Amino acid sequence: MIKSMTGFGQATLTNGDHTISVEVKSLNSKFLDLNLRLPRIFSEKELELRNVVAERLERGKVSLSVDYIQTGKQEVLQTYNETLFLAYYHELKKLSEKAGATNFDNLFHTALASPGVIQSNGKEELDSHLWEKVNDLIRQAIENCDSFRIDEGKSLHEKLVAYIKSIEVALLSVESLDPRRIEKIRNKIKGSVTAFFGEEGFDTNRLEQEIIFYIEKLDIHEERVRLKTHLEYFLKILKESQSNGKKLGFIAQEIGREINTIGSKANDADMQKHVVAMKEELEKIKEQLNNVL
């Protein structure tokens, strides 16, 4: 069973305290290219999330985003040193008066931004119960994305099988043309030699030996056998439980090598038509494999 690298999954939770939304998108890529977008409160969990995504989605250009909105009672996450603020403010006001300034509007903001006035209450820690909810949603979204990939993989599987079958049909046509091709080459060589030397102007046995030598160089039996084996192996890997796009890519390269060799040896216009047809189907296979996990 193959999987597509294109996927989408999301999961949302809304209650009286908060709204959490997780979205996972993936596209094809040779390696795992992960982009995480997390609220600052969850930033400490980034490495953990990267490991979860890598384990489940394996490969692809993956984007995971988490949106968190607190809807319940809001806590003040910082306090203010009132005594220190007033001290700064009065000192700044004295300086302004000595300098002859009459507008004190900016003194408030200046004093508030002074060192030690704003203090954190130390409560900006990630709540374990909140993270458990977020973690469950993230894993659910990843599973939904993976299910999407499986469904897309079924469609890719059907296309790849159809392309392989088309190559098999073209290969059968090549096999049926091969005996006639050899005979045409033999007759063509004999005809050319006869036309040049005449009926008695050459050694028939020597000519036959040269023809056999030439035809052996054009023999495509081994290529046909190997191509058929590669096609069968491709279909076998497609049926395996583990998706393996890279292995299918290597097999496709071997298929292309045999098709090209047959084309270079064909020396026959009718056979070349089927070779071109096989190449067209192979290009479709390679294009689809770019998106197989």
Protein backbone atom coordinates (compact mmCIF):
# COMPACT_ATOMS: atom_id res chain seq x y z
CA MET A 1 0.00 0.00 0.00
CA ILE A 2 1.54 3.27 -1.07
CA LYS A 3 0.92 6.67 0.47
CA SER A 4 0.86 10.06 -1.12
CA MET A 5 2.97 12.82 0.41
CA THR A 6 0.08 15.23 -0.13
CA GLY A 7 -2.10 15.38 2.96
CA PHE A 8 -4.24 17.55 5.19
CA GLY A 9 -5.56 17.10 8.71
CA GLN A 10 -7.05 19.26 11.39
CA ALA A 11 -8.50 18.99 14.90
CA THR A 12 -10.28 21.56 17.07
CA LEU A 13 -11.33 21.80 20.71
CA THR A 14 -13.56 24.51 22.17
CA ASN A 15 -14.72 24.73 25.77
CA GLY A 16 -15.37 27.42 28.34
CA ASP A 17 -11.70 28.04 29.01
CA HIS A 18 -10.04 28.05 25.59
CA THR A 19 -10.21 27.32 21.87
CA ILE A 20 -7.44 25.19 20.36
CA SER A 21 -7.08 24.54 16.63
CA VAL A 22 -4.42 22.35 15.02
CA GLU A 23 -3.78 22.11 11.27
CA VAL A 24 -1.32 19.86 9.43
CA LYS A 25 -0.49 20.17 5.72
CA SER A 26 2.03 18.16 3.71
CA LEU A 27 3.41 18.26 0.18
CA ASN A 28 6.04 16.20 -1.63
CA SER A 29 9.71 16.54 -0.73
CA LYS A 30 12.73 14.24 -0.84
CA PHE A 31 13.25 14.72 2.89
CA LEU A 32 11.27 15.86 5.92
CA ASP A 33 11.00 19.64 5.72
CA LEU A 34 9.01 20.63 8.81
CA ASN A 35 7.68 24.09 9.60
CA LEU A 36 6.16 24.53 13.07
CA ARG A 37 4.04 27.51 14.10
CA LEU A 38 3.38 27.41 17.84
CA PRO A 39 2.14 29.94 20.42
CA ARG A 40 4.97 31.00 22.76
CA ILE A 41 3.44 29.09 25.65
CA PHE A 42 4.06 25.78 23.82
CA SER A 43 7.51 26.60 22.43
CA GLU A 44 9.28 24.31 24.91
CA LYS A 45 7.55 21.33 23.25
CA GLU A 46 8.95 22.00 19.76
CA LEU A 47 11.55 19.22 19.80
CA GLU A 48 8.99 16.71 21.07
CA LEU A 49 6.60 17.67 18.27
CA ARG A 50 9.30 17.38 15.63
CA ASN A 51 9.98 13.81 16.73
CA VAL A 52 6.26 12.95 16.65
CA VAL A 53 5.86 14.33 13.11
CA ALA A 54 9.03 12.61 11.86
CA GLU A 55 7.89 9.27 13.25
CA ARG A 56 4.38 9.41 11.79
CA LEU A 57 4.68 11.34 8.52
CA GLU A 58 8.31 10.39 7.70
CA ARG A 59 8.83 12.54 4.62
CA GLY A 60 7.44 15.60 2.88
CA LYS A 61 7.20 19.37 3.19
CA VAL A 62 5.07 19.51 6.34
CA SER A 63 3.49 22.53 7.96
CA LEU A 64 2.01 22.19 11.48
CA SER A 65 0.28 25.16 13.11
CA VAL A 66 -1.36 25.46 16.53
CA ASP A 67 -3.73 28.33 17.36
CA TYR A 68 -4.59 28.88 21.02
CA ILE A 69 -7.13 31.38 22.34
CA GLN A 70 -7.89 31.64 26.05
CA THR A 71 -11.60 32.39 26.45
CA GLY A 72 -12.06 31.86 30.19
CA LYS A 73 -10.93 33.98 33.12
CA GLN A 74 -7.76 35.85 32.22
CA GLU A 75 -4.87 36.02 34.68
CA VAL A 76 -2.60 39.01 34.98
CA LEU A 77 0.83 37.64 34.12
CA GLN A 78 2.80 40.62 35.42
CA THR A 79 2.78 42.95 38.43
CA TYR A 80 4.05 46.48 38.99
CA ASN A 81 6.29 47.89 41.70
CA GLU A 82 4.12 50.89 42.63
CA THR A 83 6.61 52.45 45.04
CA LEU A 84 9.44 52.28 42.53
CA PHE A 85 7.19 53.62 39.75
CA LEU A 86 6.18 56.67 41.83
CA ALA A 87 9.78 57.32 42.78
CA TYR A 88 10.82 57.30 39.11
CA TYR A 89 7.84 59.49 38.18
CA HIS A 90 8.51 62.18 40.81
CA GLU A 91 12.22 62.27 40.02
CA LEU A 92 11.49 62.64 36.31
CA LYS A 93 8.96 65.38 37.06
CA LYS A 94 11.52 67.31 39.12
CA LEU A 95 14.01 67.08 36.27
CA SER A 96 11.38 68.27 33.79
CA GLU A 97 10.50 71.28 35.97
CA LYS A 98 14.16 72.23 36.36
CA ALA A 99 14.53 71.98 32.60
CA GLY A 100 11.54 74.27 32.16
CA ALA A 101 9.31 71.62 30.58
CA THR A 102 5.57 72.15 30.94
CA ASN A 103 4.27 68.93 29.29
CA PHE A 104 4.47 65.90 31.55
CA ASP A 105 2.39 63.51 29.36
CA ASN A 106 5.33 61.25 28.49
CA LEU A 107 6.56 60.89 32.07
CA PHE A 108 4.09 58.09 32.85
CA HIS A 109 5.32 55.83 30.03
CA THR A 110 8.96 56.65 30.79
CA ALA A 111 8.57 55.76 34.46
CA LEU A 112 6.63 52.59 33.64
CA ALA A 113 9.44 51.41 31.33
CA SER A 114 12.11 52.09 33.96
CA PRO A 115 14.11 49.12 35.33
CA GLY A 116 12.35 47.02 37.98
CA VAL A 117 8.89 48.57 37.62
CA ILE A 118 7.31 45.72 35.62
CA GLN A 119 7.67 42.33 37.31
CA SER A 120 6.59 38.86 36.19
CA ASN A 121 4.44 36.92 38.63
CA GLY A 122 6.14 33.66 37.56
CA LYS A 123 2.89 32.00 36.46
CA GLU A 124 3.66 31.77 32.70
CA GLU A 125 4.35 28.06 32.93
CA LEU A 126 2.78 25.46 30.68
CA ASP A 127 -0.02 23.68 32.48
CA SER A 128 0.35 19.90 32.13
CA HIS A 129 -3.42 19.36 31.69
CA LEU A 130 -3.55 21.99 28.95
CA TRP A 131 -0.59 20.43 27.13
CA GLU A 132 -2.23 17.01 27.33
CA LYS A 133 -5.26 18.38 25.49
CA VAL A 134 -3.09 20.14 22.90
CA ASN A 135 -0.91 17.05 22.42
CA ASP A 136 -3.98 14.87 21.82
CA LEU A 137 -5.28 17.34 19.22
CA ILE A 138 -1.91 17.46 17.45
CA ARG A 139 -1.73 13.68 17.24
CA GLN A 140 -5.33 13.56 16.00
CA ALA A 141 -4.55 16.11 13.26
CA ILE A 142 -1.45 14.14 12.24
CA GLU A 143 -3.52 10.93 12.06
CA ASN A 144 -6.11 12.72 9.92
CA CYS A 145 -3.33 13.91 7.63
CA ASP A 146 -1.97 10.38 7.39
CA SER A 147 -5.44 9.03 6.53
CA PHE A 148 -5.66 11.65 3.79
CA ARG A 149 -2.32 10.41 2.46
CA ILE A 150 -3.58 6.83 2.43
CA ASP A 151 -6.68 7.81 0.41
CA GLU A 152 -4.53 9.76 -2.04
CA GLY A 153 -2.20 6.76 -2.23
CA LYS A 154 -5.04 4.54 -3.41
CA SER A 155 -5.60 6.86 -6.35
CA LEU A 156 -1.87 6.89 -7.13
CA HIS A 157 -1.79 3.09 -6.92
CA GLU A 158 -4.49 2.77 -9.58
CA LYS A 159 -2.68 5.16 -11.91
CA LEU A 160 0.69 3.43 -11.52
CA VAL A 161 -0.81 0.00 -12.16
CA ALA A 162 -2.49 1.32 -15.30
CA TYR A 163 0.81 2.77 -16.58
CA ILE A 164 2.68 -0.47 -15.90
CA LYS A 165 -0.01 -2.46 -17.70
CA SER A 166 0.31 -0.15 -20.70
CA ILE A 167 4.05 -0.80 -20.81
CA GLU A 168 3.37 -4.55 -20.60
CA VAL A 169 0.99 -4.32 -23.58
CA ALA A 170 3.58 -2.39 -25.59
CA LEU A 171 6.22 -4.97 -24.63
CA LEU A 172 4.01 -7.77 -25.95
CA SER A 173 3.77 -5.89 -29.25
CA VAL A 174 7.56 -5.57 -29.32
CA GLU A 175 7.91 -9.32 -28.71
CA SER A 176 5.50 -10.13 -31.55
CA LEU A 177 7.39 -7.84 -33.94
CA ASP A 178 10.85 -9.15 -33.02
CA PRO A 179 10.94 -12.27 -35.29
CA ARG A 180 9.77 -10.28 -38.30
CA ARG A 181 12.26 -7.52 -37.47
CA ILE A 182 15.15 -9.99 -37.54
CA GLU A 183 13.96 -11.44 -40.84
CA LYS A 184 13.63 -7.97 -42.36
CA ILE A 185 17.16 -7.08 -41.27
CA ARG A 186 18.52 -10.33 -42.73
CA ASN A 187 16.76 -9.81 -46.06
CA LYS A 188 17.80 -6.16 -46.20
CA ILE A 189 21.49 -7.01 -45.73
CA LYS A 190 21.36 -9.81 -48.28
CA GLY A 191 19.54 -7.63 -50.75
CA SER A 192 22.06 -4.82 -50.38
CA VAL A 193 25.04 -7.16 -50.78
CA THR A 194 23.48 -8.91 -53.79
CA ALA A 195 22.69 -5.62 -55.46
CA PHE A 196 26.26 -4.48 -54.98
CA PHE A 197 28.21 -7.67 -55.83
CA GLY A 198 25.76 -9.69 -57.88
CA GLU A 199 24.70 -13.26 -57.21
CA GLU A 200 28.17 -14.81 -57.55
CA GLY A 201 30.33 -11.98 -56.31
CA PHE A 202 30.52 -12.86 -52.61
CA ASP A 203 31.03 -15.78 -50.22
CA THR A 204 27.59 -16.89 -49.05
CA ASN A 205 28.90 -18.60 -45.90
CA ARG A 206 30.94 -15.56 -44.91
CA LEU A 207 27.95 -13.31 -45.52
CA GLU A 208 25.77 -15.53 -43.33
CA GLN A 209 28.34 -15.37 -40.52
CA GLU A 210 28.48 -11.58 -40.74
CA ILE A 211 24.68 -11.37 -40.70
CA ILE A 212 24.52 -13.59 -37.61
CA PHE A 213 27.16 -11.43 -35.89
CA TYR A 214 25.27 -8.25 -36.76
CA ILE A 215 21.91 -9.63 -35.66
CA GLU A 216 23.37 -10.78 -32.33
CA LYS A 217 24.35 -7.18 -31.62
CA LEU A 218 20.72 -6.17 -32.25
CA ASP A 219 19.24 -8.99 -30.18
CA ILE A 220 16.85 -7.69 -27.49
CA HIS A 221 15.82 -10.96 -25.86
CA GLU A 222 17.69 -10.28 -22.61
CA GLU A 223 16.38 -6.73 -22.44
CA ARG A 224 12.81 -7.96 -22.92
CA VAL A 225 13.22 -10.53 -20.15
CA ARG A 226 14.74 -8.01 -17.74
CA LEU A 227 12.09 -5.42 -18.55
CA LYS A 228 9.32 -7.91 -17.86
CA THR A 229 10.98 -8.83 -14.55
CA HIS A 230 11.26 -5.17 -13.52
CA LEU A 231 7.58 -4.57 -14.33
CA GLU A 232 6.53 -7.54 -12.23
CA TYR A 233 8.76 -6.42 -9.36
CA PHE A 234 7.31 -2.90 -9.53
CA LEU A 235 3.78 -4.29 -9.11
CA LYS A 236 4.96 -6.49 -6.24
CA ILE A 237 6.42 -3.52 -4.34
CA LEU A 238 3.18 -1.60 -4.93
CA LYS A 239 1.28 -4.31 -3.04
CA GLU A 240 3.55 -4.30 0.01
CA SER A 241 2.11 -2.97 3.26
CA GLN A 242 4.91 -0.40 3.63
CA SER A 243 4.95 2.53 1.23
CA ASN A 244 8.36 2.76 -0.47
CA GLY A 245 8.46 5.47 -3.08
CA LYS A 246 12.26 5.53 -3.22
CA LYS A 247 12.48 1.82 -4.10
CA LEU A 248 9.83 2.27 -6.77
CA GLY A 249 11.91 5.14 -8.13
CA PHE A 250 14.97 2.90 -8.41
CA ILE A 251 12.93 0.23 -10.22
CA ALA A 252 11.58 2.87 -12.59
CA GLN A 253 15.16 3.81 -13.45
CA GLU A 254 15.91 0.18 -14.35
CA ILE A 255 12.75 0.02 -16.45
CA GLY A 256 13.87 3.11 -18.32
CA ARG A 257 17.32 1.63 -18.90
CA GLU A 258 15.89 -1.49 -20.57
CA ILE A 259 13.41 0.50 -22.66
CA ASN A 260 16.19 2.77 -23.91
CA THR A 261 18.38 -0.21 -24.82
CA ILE A 262 15.53 -1.83 -26.74
CA GLY A 263 14.99 1.44 -28.57
CA SER A 264 18.66 1.79 -29.50
CA LYS A 265 18.78 -1.79 -30.81
CA ALA A 266 15.38 -1.89 -32.49
CA ASN A 267 16.38 -0.63 -35.93
CA ASP A 268 12.72 -0.97 -36.89
CA ALA A 269 10.15 1.80 -37.35
CA ASP A 270 7.16 -0.27 -36.19
CA MET A 271 8.96 -1.37 -33.04
CA GLN A 272 10.11 2.18 -32.29
CA LYS A 273 6.48 3.28 -32.07
CA HIS A 274 5.92 0.90 -29.18
CA VAL A 275 9.20 1.95 -27.57
CA VAL A 276 8.03 5.58 -27.66
CA ALA A 277 4.72 4.52 -26.12
CA MET A 278 6.59 2.77 -23.27
CA LYS A 279 8.70 5.86 -22.67
CA GLU A 280 5.59 8.03 -22.46
CA GLU A 281 4.06 5.75 -19.83
CA LEU A 282 7.32 5.65 -17.90
CA GLU A 283 7.43 9.46 -17.75
CA LYS A 284 3.93 9.40 -16.23
CA ILE A 285 5.15 6.89 -13.66
CA LYS A 286 8.13 9.05 -12.70
CA GLU A 287 5.91 12.11 -12.35
CA GLN A 288 3.54 10.27 -10.01
CA LEU A 289 6.40 8.74 -7.98
CA ASN A 290 7.53 12.26 -7.04
CA ASN A 291 4.52 12.32 -4.73
CA VAL A 292 4.80 8.79 -3.29
CA LEU A 293 6.06 8.43 0.27
